[in-house]
Amino acid sequence: MTVKSSISLSDEHHAFARAQVQDGRFASVSAVVQHGLDLLRQKAEADRLEYAALRALLEERQKGTFVPAEEMRRRVTSLVAARLGDAEPK
C-alpha cells in the first residue's frame, strides 16, 4: 500500500535526488526518498541489534569475577611481554 505524503527537501537534497533519476538509477524522486528511508530503517535495526548484543555482553561480564585494575594491568603487561617475546627473531 502506498500513502501519499508531502515532504520538503532542501535544494541540495532535491538536486541530488533529481540527478539520481536523470542518471537512470531511480524512476522518481519518490523512489529515491523511499530507498533512503529503507537504508535508514536497516541502519536503525542494525544499531538496535548491536546495542542489544553489547548490552548482553556487559550483563554477562558483570556476572563474572571482578578483576581489580592493578591485577588487570599485570595481566595485560604479561600478555604483551609474552607476545613481544614471541615476535623477537631467534
PDB file of N, CA and C in Angstrom:
ATOM      1  N   MET A   1       0.840  -1.179   0.000  1.00  0.00           N
ATOM      2  CA  MET A   1       0.000   0.000   0.000  1.00  0.00           C
ATOM      3  C   MET A   1       0.890   1.248   0.000  1.00  0.00           C
ATOM      4  N   THR A   2       0.542   2.201  -0.795  1.00  0.00           N
ATOM      5  CA  THR A   2       1.290   3.446  -0.888  1.00  0.00           C
ATOM      6  C   THR A   2       0.473   4.572  -0.281  1.00  0.00           C
ATOM      7  N   VAL A   3       1.135   5.391   0.515  1.00  0.00           N
ATOM      8  CA  VAL A   3       0.493   6.537   1.137  1.00  0.00           C
ATOM      9  C   VAL A   3       1.115   7.790   0.555  1.00  0.00           C
ATOM     10  N   LYS A   4       0.293   8.691   0.074  1.00  0.00           N
ATOM     11  CA  LYS A   4       0.810   9.961  -0.434  1.00  0.00           C
ATOM     12  C   LYS A   4       1.151  10.846   0.749  1.00  0.00           C
ATOM     13  N   SER A   5       2.327  11.464   0.681  1.00  0.00           N
ATOM     14  CA  SER A   5       2.778  12.330   1.763  1.00  0.00           C
ATOM     15  C   SER A   5       3.506  13.517   1.153  1.00  0.00           C
ATOM     16  N   SER A   6       3.320  14.645   1.741  1.00  0.00           N
ATOM     17  CA  SER A   6       4.004  15.843   1.275  1.00  0.00           C
ATOM     18  C   SER A   6       5.237  16.059   2.145  1.00  0.00           C
ATOM     19  N   ILE A   7       6.400  16.196   1.510  1.00  0.00           N
ATOM     20  CA  ILE A   7       7.637  16.442   2.253  1.00  0.00           C
ATOM     21  C   ILE A   7       8.340  17.645   1.659  1.00  0.00           C
ATOM     22  N   SER A   8       9.244  18.192   2.428  1.00  0.00           N
ATOM     23  CA  SER A   8      10.071  19.302   1.947  1.00  0.00           C
ATOM     24  C   SER A   8      11.511  18.831   1.896  1.00  0.00           C
ATOM     25  N   LEU A   9      12.188  19.165   0.806  1.00  0.00           N
ATOM     26  CA  LEU A   9      13.601  18.826   0.642  1.00  0.00           C
ATOM     27  C   LEU A   9      14.396  20.108   0.474  1.00  0.00           C
ATOM     28  N   SER A  10      15.614  20.094   0.957  1.00  0.00           N
ATOM     29  CA  SER A  10      16.485  21.239   0.709  1.00  0.00           C
ATOM     30  C   SER A  10      16.817  21.243  -0.785  1.00  0.00           C
ATOM     31  N   ASP A  11      17.284  22.378  -1.275  1.00  0.00           N
ATOM     32  CA  ASP A  11      17.678  22.459  -2.680  1.00  0.00           C
ATOM     33  C   ASP A  11      18.736  21.411  -3.007  1.00  0.00           C
ATOM     34  N   GLU A  12      19.676  21.224  -2.095  1.00  0.00           N
ATOM     35  CA  GLU A  12      20.756  20.258  -2.302  1.00  0.00           C
ATOM     36  C   GLU A  12      20.213  18.833  -2.380  1.00  0.00           C
ATOM     37  N   HIS A  13      19.316  18.476  -1.458  1.00  0.00           N
ATOM     38  CA  HIS A  13      18.738  17.128  -1.476  1.00  0.00           C
ATOM     39  C   HIS A  13      17.903  16.902  -2.739  1.00  0.00           C
ATOM     40  N   HIS A  14      17.143  17.896  -3.118  1.00  0.00           N
ATOM     41  CA  HIS A  14      16.295  17.759  -4.308  1.00  0.00           C
ATOM     42  C   HIS A  14      17.163  17.601  -5.562  1.00  0.00           C
ATOM     43  N   ALA A  15      18.238  18.393  -5.647  1.00  0.00           N
ATOM     44  CA  ALA A  15      19.127  18.297  -6.808  1.00  0.00           C
ATOM     45  C   ALA A  15      19.771  16.911  -6.867  1.00  0.00           C
ATOM     46  N   PHE A  16      20.172  16.394  -5.720  1.00  0.00           N
ATOM     47  CA  PHE A  16      20.777  15.062  -5.684  1.00  0.00           C
ATOM     48  C   PHE A  16      19.763  14.009  -6.134  1.00  0.00           C
ATOM     49  N   ALA A  17      18.553  14.082  -5.608  1.00  0.00           N
ATOM     50  CA  ALA A  17      17.515  13.107  -5.965  1.00  0.00           C
ATOM     51  C   ALA A  17      17.191  13.191  -7.459  1.00  0.00           C
ATOM     52  N   ARG A  18      17.073  14.389  -7.987  1.00  0.00           N
ATOM     53  CA  ARG A  18      16.793  14.557  -9.428  1.00  0.00           C
ATOM     54  C   ARG A  18      17.936  13.977 -10.252  1.00  0.00           C
ATOM     55  N   ALA A  19      19.171  14.191  -9.819  1.00  0.00           N
ATOM     56  CA  ALA A  19      20.319  13.647 -10.545  1.00  0.00           C
ATOM     57  C   ALA A  19      20.270  12.117 -10.552  1.00  0.00           C
ATOM     58  N   GLN A  20      19.838  11.512  -9.468  1.00  0.00           N
ATOM     59  CA  GLN A  20      19.707  10.060  -9.413  1.00  0.00           C
ATOM     60  C   GLN A  20      18.678   9.567 -10.426  1.00  0.00           C
ATOM     61  N   VAL A  21      17.592  10.319 -10.562  1.00  0.00           N
ATOM     62  CA  VAL A  21      16.550   9.975 -11.533  1.00  0.00           C
ATOM     63  C   VAL A  21      17.073  10.173 -12.951  1.00  0.00           C
ATOM     64  N   GLN A  22      17.731  11.297 -13.196  1.00  0.00           N
ATOM     65  CA  GLN A  22      18.255  11.589 -14.527  1.00  0.00           C
ATOM     66  C   GLN A  22      19.328  10.589 -14.956  1.00  0.00           C
ATOM     67  N   ASP A  23      20.080  10.072 -13.977  1.00  0.00           N
ATOM     68  CA  ASP A  23      21.106   9.068 -14.278  1.00  0.00           C
ATOM     69  C   ASP A  23      20.500   7.683 -14.494  1.00  0.00           C
ATOM     70  N   GLY A  24      19.200   7.565 -14.300  1.00  0.00           N
ATOM     71  CA  GLY A  24      18.524   6.296 -14.523  1.00  0.00           C
ATOM     72  C   GLY A  24      18.601   5.324 -13.352  1.00  0.00           C
ATOM     73  N   ARG A  25      19.061   5.782 -12.219  1.00  0.00           N
ATOM     74  CA  ARG A  25      19.179   4.895 -11.058  1.00  0.00           C
ATOM     75  C   ARG A  25      17.839   4.661 -10.373  1.00  0.00           C
ATOM     76  N   PHE A  26      16.957   5.635 -10.470  1.00  0.00           N
ATOM     77  CA  PHE A  26      15.627   5.540  -9.855  1.00  0.00           C
ATOM     78  C   PHE A  26      14.592   6.088 -10.820  1.00  0.00           C
ATOM     79  N   ALA A  27      13.367   5.627 -10.655  1.00  0.00           N
ATOM     80  CA  ALA A  27      12.290   6.053 -11.546  1.00  0.00           C
ATOM     81  C   ALA A  27      11.750   7.427 -11.194  1.00  0.00           C
ATOM     82  N   SER A  28      11.882   7.816  -9.932  1.00  0.00           N
ATOM     83  CA  SER A  28      11.322   9.103  -9.494  1.00  0.00           C
ATOM     84  C   SER A  28      12.025   9.576  -8.228  1.00  0.00           C
ATOM     85  N   VAL A  29      11.786  10.839  -7.905  1.00  0.00           N
ATOM     86  CA  VAL A  29      12.321  11.392  -6.659  1.00  0.00           C
ATOM     87  C   VAL A  29      11.728  10.621  -5.478  1.00  0.00           C
ATOM     88  N   SER A  30      10.470  10.233  -5.577  1.00  0.00           N
ATOM     89  CA  SER A  30       9.842   9.442  -4.510  1.00  0.00           C
ATOM     90  C   SER A  30      10.591   8.136  -4.286  1.00  0.00           C
ATOM     91  N   ALA A  31      11.016   7.498  -5.376  1.00  0.00           N
ATOM     92  CA  ALA A  31      11.763   6.239  -5.251  1.00  0.00           C
ATOM     93  C   ALA A  31      13.093   6.472  -4.553  1.00  0.00           C
ATOM     94  N   VAL A  32      13.739   7.596  -4.818  1.00  0.00           N
ATOM     95  CA  VAL A  32      14.996   7.934  -4.151  1.00  0.00           C
ATOM     96  C   VAL A  32      14.760   8.091  -2.651  1.00  0.00           C
ATOM     97  N   VAL A  33      13.725   8.830  -2.302  1.00  0.00           N
ATOM     98  CA  VAL A  33      13.404   9.060  -0.893  1.00  0.00           C
ATOM     99  C   VAL A  33      13.043   7.740  -0.211  1.00  0.00           C
ATOM    100  N   GLN A  34      12.255   6.904  -0.879  1.00  0.00           N
ATOM    101  CA  GLN A  34      11.884   5.608  -0.302  1.00  0.00           C
ATOM    102  C   GLN A  34      13.124   4.755  -0.054  1.00  0.00           C
ATOM    103  N   HIS A  35      14.047   4.752  -1.006  1.00  0.00           N
ATOM    104  CA  HIS A  35      15.274   3.979  -0.844  1.00  0.00           C
ATOM    105  C   HIS A  35      16.084   4.503   0.348  1.00  0.00           C
ATOM    106  N   GLY A  36      16.166   5.819   0.457  1.00  0.00           N
ATOM    107  CA  GLY A  36      16.873   6.419   1.591  1.00  0.00           C
ATOM    108  C   GLY A  36      16.242   6.024   2.913  1.00  0.00           C
ATOM    109  N   LEU A  37      14.917   6.001   2.969  1.00  0.00           N
ATOM    110  CA  LEU A  37      14.235   5.585   4.196  1.00  0.00           C
ATOM    111  C   LEU A  37      14.466   4.111   4.496  1.00  0.00           C
ATOM    112  N   ASP A  38      14.501   3.279   3.447  1.00  0.00           N
ATOM    113  CA  ASP A  38      14.795   1.852   3.647  1.00  0.00           C
ATOM    114  C   ASP A  38      16.194   1.672   4.243  1.00  0.00           C
ATOM    115  N   LEU A  39      17.167   2.419   3.721  1.00  0.00           N
ATOM    116  CA  LEU A  39      18.530   2.333   4.251  1.00  0.00           C
ATOM    117  C   LEU A  39      18.590   2.807   5.700  1.00  0.00           C
ATOM    118  N   LEU A  40      17.869   3.872   6.006  1.00  0.00           N
ATOM    119  CA  LEU A  40      17.836   4.384   7.371  1.00  0.00           C
ATOM    120  C   LEU A  40      17.207   3.361   8.317  1.00  0.00           C
ATOM    121  N   ARG A  41      16.143   2.701   7.861  1.00  0.00           N
ATOM    122  CA  ARG A  41      15.498   1.668   8.679  1.00  0.00           C
ATOM    123  C   ARG A  41      16.457   0.505   8.922  1.00  0.00           C
ATOM    124  N   GLN A  42      17.175   0.082   7.877  1.00  0.00           N
ATOM    125  CA  GLN A  42      18.140  -1.011   8.026  1.00  0.00           C
ATOM    126  C   GLN A  42      19.243  -0.639   9.011  1.00  0.00           C
ATOM    127  N   LYS A  43      19.739   0.589   8.926  1.00  0.00           N
ATOM    128  CA  LYS A  43      20.789   1.041   9.843  1.00  0.00           C
ATOM    129  C   LYS A  43      20.268   1.094  11.265  1.00  0.00           C
ATOM    130  N   ALA A  44      19.060   1.596  11.451  1.00  0.00           N
ATOM    131  CA  ALA A  44      18.481   1.670  12.796  1.00  0.00           C
ATOM    132  C   ALA A  44      18.337   0.272  13.391  1.00  0.00           C
ATOM    133  N   GLU A  45      17.913  -0.693  12.580  1.00  0.00           N
ATOM    134  CA  GLU A  45      17.767  -2.065  13.066  1.00  0.00           C
ATOM    135  C   GLU A  45      19.135  -2.668  13.391  1.00  0.00           C
ATOM    136  N   ALA A  46      20.125  -2.422  12.551  1.00  0.00           N
ATOM    137  CA  ALA A  46      21.474  -2.936  12.812  1.00  0.00           C
ATOM    138  C   ALA A  46      22.033  -2.322  14.093  1.00  0.00           C
ATOM    139  N   ASP A  47      21.822  -1.021  14.281  1.00  0.00           N
ATOM    140  CA  ASP A  47      22.266  -0.354  15.511  1.00  0.00           C
ATOM    141  C   ASP A  47      21.573  -0.959  16.724  1.00  0.00           C
ATOM    142  N   ARG A  48      20.261  -1.203  16.619  1.00  0.00           N
ATOM    143  CA  ARG A  48      19.499  -1.774  17.726  1.00  0.00           C
ATOM    144  C   ARG A  48      20.049  -3.149  18.093  1.00  0.00           C
ATOM    145  N   LEU A  49      20.324  -3.967  17.082  1.00  0.00           N
ATOM    146  CA  LEU A  49      20.868  -5.305  17.345  1.00  0.00           C
ATOM    147  C   LEU A  49      22.266  -5.232  17.956  1.00  0.00           C
ATOM    148  N   GLU A  50      23.082  -4.300  17.469  1.00  0.00           N
ATOM    149  CA  GLU A  50      24.430  -4.147  18.012  1.00  0.00           C
ATOM    150  C   GLU A  50      24.381  -3.714  19.469  1.00  0.00           C
ATOM    151  N   TYR A  51      23.518  -2.745  19.787  1.00  0.00           N
ATOM    152  CA  TYR A  51      23.387  -2.295  21.175  1.00  0.00           C
ATOM    153  C   TYR A  51      22.872  -3.421  22.065  1.00  0.00           C
ATOM    154  N   ALA A  52      21.934  -4.203  21.558  1.00  0.00           N
ATOM    155  CA  ALA A  52      21.409  -5.330  22.336  1.00  0.00           C
ATOM    156  C   ALA A  52      22.511  -6.354  22.605  1.00  0.00           C
ATOM    157  N   ALA A  53      23.343  -6.630  21.605  1.00  0.00           N
ATOM    158  CA  ALA A  53      24.446  -7.580  21.781  1.00  0.00           C
ATOM    159  C   ALA A  53      25.459  -7.043  22.790  1.00  0.00           C
ATOM    160  N   LEU A  54      25.773  -5.766  22.702  1.00  0.00           N
ATOM    161  CA  LEU A  54      26.713  -5.175  23.656  1.00  0.00           C
ATOM    162  C   LEU A  54      26.138  -5.190  25.069  1.00  0.00           C
ATOM    163  N   ARG A  55      24.855  -4.885  25.178  1.00  0.00           N
ATOM    164  CA  ARG A  55      24.193  -4.901  26.480  1.00  0.00           C
ATOM    165  C   ARG A  55      24.249  -6.308  27.076  1.00  0.00           C
ATOM    166  N   ALA A  56      23.968  -7.327  26.250  1.00  0.00           N
ATOM    167  CA  ALA A  56      24.011  -8.711  26.713  1.00  0.00           C
ATOM    168  C   ALA A  56      25.427  -9.092  27.136  1.00  0.00           C
ATOM    169  N   LEU A  57      26.430  -8.652  26.377  1.00  0.00           N
ATOM    170  CA  LEU A  57      27.817  -8.942  26.722  1.00  0.00           C
ATOM    171  C   LEU A  57      28.184  -8.300  28.053  1.00  0.00           C
ATOM    172  N   LEU A  58      27.784  -7.040  28.242  1.00  0.00           N
ATOM    173  CA  LEU A  58      28.076  -6.363  29.507  1.00  0.00           C
ATOM    174  C   LEU A  58      27.395  -7.061  30.678  1.00  0.00           C
ATOM    175  N   GLU A  59      26.149  -7.462  30.495  1.00  0.00           N
ATOM    176  CA  GLU A  59      25.438  -8.163  31.562  1.00  0.00           C
ATOM    177  C   GLU A  59      26.134  -9.479  31.894  1.00  0.00           C
ATOM    178  N   GLU A  60      26.590 -10.187  30.866  1.00  0.00           N
ATOM    179  CA  GLU A  60      27.315 -11.447  31.070  1.00  0.00           C
ATOM    180  C   GLU A  60      28.607 -11.193  31.821  1.00  0.00           C
ATOM    181  N   ARG A  61      29.333 -10.158  31.417  1.00  0.00           N
ATOM    182  CA  ARG A  61      30.605  -9.844  32.073  1.00  0.00           C
ATOM    183  C   ARG A  61      30.394  -9.427  33.524  1.00  0.00           C
ATOM    184  N   GLN A  62      29.290  -8.724  33.799  1.00  0.00           N
ATOM    185  CA  GLN A  62      29.022  -8.284  35.167  1.00  0.00           C
ATOM    186  C   GLN A  62      28.775  -9.471  36.094  1.00  0.00           C
ATOM    187  N   LYS A  63      28.325 -10.578  35.552  1.00  0.00           N
ATOM    188  CA  LYS A  63      28.075 -11.767  36.354  1.00  0.00           C
ATOM    189  C   LYS A  63      29.375 -12.496  36.697  1.00  0.00           C
ATOM    190  N   GLY A  64      30.432 -12.191  35.948  1.00  0.00           N
ATOM    191  CA  GLY A  64      31.706 -12.880  36.139  1.00  0.00           C
ATOM    192  C   GLY A  64      32.487 -12.333  37.312  1.00  0.00           C
ATOM    193  N   THR A  65      33.689 -12.851  37.467  1.00  0.00           N
ATOM    194  CA  THR A  65      34.580 -12.444  38.546  1.00  0.00           C
ATOM    195  C   THR A  65      35.146 -11.066  38.260  1.00  0.00           C
ATOM    196  N   PHE A  66      35.121 -10.217  39.273  1.00  0.00           N
ATOM    197  CA  PHE A  66      35.679  -8.878  39.135  1.00  0.00           C
ATOM    198  C   PHE A  66      37.185  -8.959  39.275  1.00  0.00           C
ATOM    199  N   VAL A  67      37.893  -8.295  38.373  1.00  0.00           N
ATOM    200  CA  VAL A  67      39.354  -8.244  38.428  1.00  0.00           C
ATOM    201  C   VAL A  67      39.746  -6.793  38.696  1.00  0.00           C
ATOM    202  N   PRO A  68      40.417  -6.546  39.807  1.00  0.00           N
ATOM    203  CA  PRO A  68      40.833  -5.170  40.113  1.00  0.00           C
ATOM    204  C   PRO A  68      41.740  -4.616  39.024  1.00  0.00           C
ATOM    205  N   ALA A  69      41.772  -3.306  38.898  1.00  0.00           N
ATOM    206  CA  ALA A  69      42.535  -2.634  37.842  1.00  0.00           C
ATOM    207  C   ALA A  69      44.014  -3.010  37.880  1.00  0.00           C
ATOM    208  N   GLU A  70      44.606  -3.055  39.061  1.00  0.00           N
ATOM    209  CA  GLU A  70      46.035  -3.361  39.158  1.00  0.00           C
ATOM    210  C   GLU A  70      46.322  -4.784  38.677  1.00  0.00           C
ATOM    211  N   GLU A  71      45.460  -5.726  39.013  1.00  0.00           N
ATOM    212  CA  GLU A  71      45.621  -7.110  38.549  1.00  0.00           C
ATOM    213  C   GLU A  71      45.483  -7.173  37.019  1.00  0.00           C
ATOM    214  N   MET A  72      44.517  -6.426  36.470  1.00  0.00           N
ATOM    215  CA  MET A  72      44.321  -6.418  35.018  1.00  0.00           C
ATOM    216  C   MET A  72      45.540  -5.822  34.327  1.00  0.00           C
ATOM    217  N   ARG A  73      46.124  -4.773  34.905  1.00  0.00           N
ATOM    218  CA  ARG A  73      47.347  -4.192  34.331  1.00  0.00           C
ATOM    219  C   ARG A  73      48.472  -5.227  34.295  1.00  0.00           C
ATOM    220  N   ARG A  74      48.622  -5.973  35.398  1.00  0.00           N
ATOM    221  CA  ARG A  74      49.658  -7.006  35.438  1.00  0.00           C
ATOM    222  C   ARG A  74      49.408  -8.058  34.359  1.00  0.00           C
ATOM    223  N   ARG A  75      48.155  -8.467  34.204  1.00  0.00           N
ATOM    224  CA  ARG A  75      47.825  -9.483  33.196  1.00  0.00           C
ATOM    225  C   ARG A  75      48.123  -8.981  31.784  1.00  0.00           C
ATOM    226  N   VAL A  76      47.697  -7.754  31.502  1.00  0.00           N
ATOM    227  CA  VAL A  76      47.908  -7.181  30.166  1.00  0.00           C
ATOM    228  C   VAL A  76      49.402  -7.019  29.904  1.00  0.00           C
ATOM    229  N   THR A  77      50.137  -6.507  30.881  1.00  0.00           N
ATOM    230  CA  THR A  77      51.579  -6.338  30.727  1.00  0.00           C
ATOM    231  C   THR A  77      52.247  -7.676  30.459  1.00  0.00           C
ATOM    232  N   SER A  78      51.832  -8.695  31.168  1.00  0.00           N
ATOM    233  CA  SER A  78      52.386 -10.035  30.971  1.00  0.00           C
ATOM    234  C   SER A  78      52.069 -10.563  29.574  1.00  0.00           C
ATOM    235  N   LEU A  79      50.824 -10.374  29.131  1.00  0.00           N
ATOM    236  CA  LEU A  79      50.444 -10.821  27.787  1.00  0.00           C
ATOM    237  C   LEU A  79      51.236 -10.091  26.711  1.00  0.00           C
ATOM    238  N   VAL A  80      51.390  -8.781  26.864  1.00  0.00           N
ATOM    239  CA  VAL A  80      52.142  -8.001  25.879  1.00  0.00           C
ATOM    240  C   VAL A  80      53.598  -8.447  25.854  1.00  0.00           C
ATOM    241  N   ALA A  81      54.175  -8.649  27.035  1.00  0.00           N
ATOM    242  CA  ALA A  81      55.566  -9.088  27.098  1.00  0.00           C
ATOM    243  C   ALA A  81      55.733 -10.452  26.429  1.00  0.00           C
ATOM    244  N   ALA A  82      54.776 -11.347  26.677  1.00  0.00           N
ATOM    245  CA  ALA A  82      54.843 -12.673  26.058  1.00  0.00           C
ATOM    246  C   ALA A  82      54.740 -12.555  24.543  1.00  0.00           C
ATOM    247  N   ARG A  83      53.853 -11.705  24.048  1.00  0.00           N
ATOM    248  CA  ARG A  83      53.710 -11.510  22.598  1.00  0.00           C
ATOM    249  C   ARG A  83      54.974 -10.932  21.992  1.00  0.00           C
ATOM    250  N   LEU A  84      55.511  -9.922  22.651  1.00  0.00           N
ATOM    251  CA  LEU A  84      56.728  -9.295  22.122  1.00  0.00           C
ATOM    252  C   LEU A  84      57.890 -10.279  22.157  1.00  0.00           C
ATOM    253  N   GLY A  85      57.929 -11.105  23.179  1.00  0.00           N
ATOM    254  CA  GLY A  85      58.973 -12.126  23.272  1.00  0.00           C
ATOM    255  C   GLY A  85      58.855 -13.133  22.140  1.00  0.00           C
ATOM    256  N   ASP A  86      57.602 -13.484  21.758  1.00  0.00           N
ATOM    257  CA  ASP A  86      57.374 -14.412  20.652  1.00  0.00           C
ATOM    258  C   ASP A  86      57.716 -13.783  19.310  1.00  0.00           C
ATOM    259  N   ALA A  87      57.621 -12.449  19.230  1.00  0.00           N
ATOM    260  CA  ALA A  87      57.848 -11.759  17.959  1.00  0.00           C
ATOM    261  C   ALA A  87      59.323 -11.510  17.696  1.00  0.00           C
ATOM    262  N   GLU A  88      60.162 -11.652  18.721  1.00  0.00           N
ATOM    263  CA  GLU A  88      61.594 -11.407  18.558  1.00  0.00           C
ATOM    264  C   GLU A  88      62.206 -12.452  17.617  1.00  0.00           C
ATOM    265  N   PRO A  89      63.076 -12.037  16.697  1.00  0.00           N
ATOM    266  CA  PRO A  89      63.747 -13.014  15.827  1.00  0.00           C
ATOM    267  C   PRO A  89      64.683 -13.884  16.660  1.00  0.00           C
ATOM    268  N   LYS A  90      64.794 -15.134  16.287  1.00  0.00           N
ATOM    269  CA  LYS A  90      65.619 -16.084  17.059  1.00  0.00           C
ATOM    270  C   LYS A  90      66.880 -16.418  16.326  1.00  0.00           C
TER     271      LYS A  90
END
